[in-house]
Amino acid sequence: MRALRNIAIIAALAFVVAAVPGGGNVAQGILAFFTLAFLALISYAVYFAYRRNQLALLTLGNRERALLYGALGAIVLMIAGADELLATGPGTAVWLAVLGLSALAIVRVLAQARSSY
């Protein structure tokens, strides 16, 4: 019964997109809403993690803290510029490289912080 209900919801949404004039705009609006909701949840999770680990962040050295914040900033910039960067081959390579180096920097800072206990 539950699966039938879910299929009916998906069919109704597909009908709105396909048959109703301007349905594509409605679908884009819904996608934009869910994207903003997802980004808001990520922001809340980052804020909660910052508040929970505020003392640990303050005990990091200036170099490690700068590396951590720089890596997080690079990830934010890659998310913001994903549409433009992923449209080309070299842009995709740069996007992946920056994300990989940022993740590596975060892992390095975490390993350094755990080894100093």
Protein backbone atom coordinates (compact mmCIF):
# COMPACT_ATOMS: atom_id res chain seq x y z
CA MET A 1 0.00 0.00 0.00
CA ARG A 2 2.80 2.37 0.90
CA ALA A 3 4.68 1.64 -2.33
CA LEU A 4 1.51 2.31 -4.34
CA ARG A 5 1.10 5.68 -2.63
CA ASN A 6 4.72 6.62 -3.41
CA ILE A 7 4.30 5.62 -7.05
CA ALA A 8 1.14 7.75 -7.26
CA ILE A 9 3.01 10.76 -5.86
CA ILE A 10 5.81 10.35 -8.39
CA ALA A 11 3.29 9.92 -11.22
CA ALA A 12 1.46 13.10 -10.16
CA LEU A 13 4.71 15.07 -10.11
CA ALA A 14 5.69 13.69 -13.52
CA PHE A 15 2.27 14.69 -14.87
CA VAL A 16 2.70 18.24 -13.58
CA VAL A 17 6.12 18.53 -15.23
CA ALA A 18 5.02 16.98 -18.53
CA ALA A 19 1.46 18.20 -19.10
CA VAL A 20 0.94 21.47 -17.28
CA PRO A 21 2.21 24.63 -19.02
CA GLY A 22 5.17 25.94 -17.07
CA GLY A 23 5.61 22.59 -15.32
CA GLY A 24 9.34 22.68 -16.00
CA ASN A 25 9.55 25.95 -14.09
CA VAL A 26 7.72 24.37 -11.16
CA ALA A 27 10.16 21.45 -11.21
CA GLN A 28 13.11 23.87 -11.23
CA GLY A 29 11.58 25.77 -8.32
CA ILE A 30 11.12 22.58 -6.32
CA LEU A 31 14.71 21.54 -7.08
CA ALA A 32 15.97 24.97 -6.00
CA PHE A 33 13.99 24.69 -2.77
CA PHE A 34 15.46 21.28 -1.95
CA THR A 35 18.96 22.50 -2.84
CA LEU A 36 18.65 25.47 -0.49
CA ALA A 37 17.20 23.26 2.25
CA PHE A 38 20.12 20.85 1.85
CA LEU A 39 22.66 23.68 2.02
CA ALA A 40 20.93 25.09 5.10
CA LEU A 41 21.17 21.70 6.80
CA ILE A 42 24.86 21.49 5.95
CA SER A 43 25.37 24.99 7.38
CA TYR A 44 23.58 24.01 10.58
CA ALA A 45 25.70 20.86 10.89
CA VAL A 46 28.90 22.87 10.44
CA TYR A 47 27.75 25.41 13.05
CA PHE A 48 26.86 22.62 15.48
CA ALA A 49 30.22 20.92 14.92
CA TYR A 50 32.04 24.23 15.44
CA ARG A 51 30.21 24.90 18.70
CA ARG A 52 30.86 21.37 19.93
CA ASN A 53 34.60 21.45 19.10
CA GLN A 54 35.33 25.10 19.81
CA LEU A 55 37.95 24.36 22.47
CA ALA A 56 39.73 21.82 20.27
CA LEU A 57 39.84 24.35 17.43
CA LEU A 58 41.28 27.01 19.73
CA THR A 59 44.03 24.66 20.89
CA LEU A 60 45.25 24.14 17.32
CA GLY A 61 48.29 26.09 16.25
CA ASN A 62 47.89 29.05 13.94
CA ARG A 63 49.28 27.11 10.99
CA GLU A 64 46.92 24.15 11.44
CA ARG A 65 43.92 26.41 12.03
CA ALA A 66 44.70 28.42 8.88
CA LEU A 67 45.10 25.20 6.89
CA LEU A 68 41.78 23.87 8.19
CA TYR A 69 39.85 27.07 7.48
CA GLY A 70 41.51 27.44 4.07
CA ALA A 71 40.55 23.89 3.12
CA LEU A 72 36.96 24.42 4.25
CA GLY A 73 36.82 27.69 2.31
CA ALA A 74 38.13 25.96 -0.82
CA ILE A 75 35.43 23.31 -0.51
CA VAL A 76 32.78 26.01 -0.22
CA LEU A 77 34.14 27.75 -3.32
CA MET A 78 34.14 24.48 -5.25
CA ILE A 79 30.50 23.88 -4.32
CA ALA A 80 29.61 27.41 -5.40
CA GLY A 81 31.42 27.13 -8.73
CA ALA A 82 30.53 23.51 -9.49
CA ASP A 83 28.23 24.34 -12.43
CA GLU A 84 30.86 26.34 -14.28
CA LEU A 85 33.84 24.15 -13.41
CA LEU A 86 32.18 20.83 -14.23
CA ALA A 87 31.14 22.07 -17.68
CA THR A 88 34.66 21.59 -19.09
CA GLY A 89 37.29 18.88 -18.87
CA PRO A 90 40.06 21.01 -17.35
CA GLY A 91 37.55 22.58 -14.98
CA THR A 92 36.53 19.12 -13.78
CA ALA A 93 40.18 18.23 -13.20
CA VAL A 94 40.72 21.43 -11.19
CA TRP A 95 37.51 20.81 -9.23
CA LEU A 96 38.57 17.28 -8.31
CA ALA A 97 42.12 18.35 -7.49
CA VAL A 98 41.02 21.16 -5.18
CA LEU A 99 38.50 18.93 -3.41
CA GLY A 100 41.09 16.17 -3.02
CA LEU A 101 43.76 18.52 -1.68
CA SER A 102 41.24 20.11 0.68
CA ALA A 103 40.20 16.71 2.03
CA LEU A 104 43.86 15.77 2.43
CA ALA A 105 44.54 18.99 4.34
CA ILE A 106 41.57 18.37 6.67
CA VAL A 107 42.74 14.80 7.35
CA ARG A 108 46.25 16.10 8.05
CA VAL A 109 44.98 18.67 10.53
CA LEU A 110 42.81 16.07 12.26
CA ALA A 111 45.72 13.63 12.49
CA GLN A 112 47.97 16.38 13.87
CA ALA A 113 45.34 17.39 16.43
CA ARG A 114 44.82 13.80 17.61
CA SER A 115 48.55 13.13 17.92
CA SER A 116 49.09 16.15 20.17
CA TYR A 117 46.88 14.77 22.96
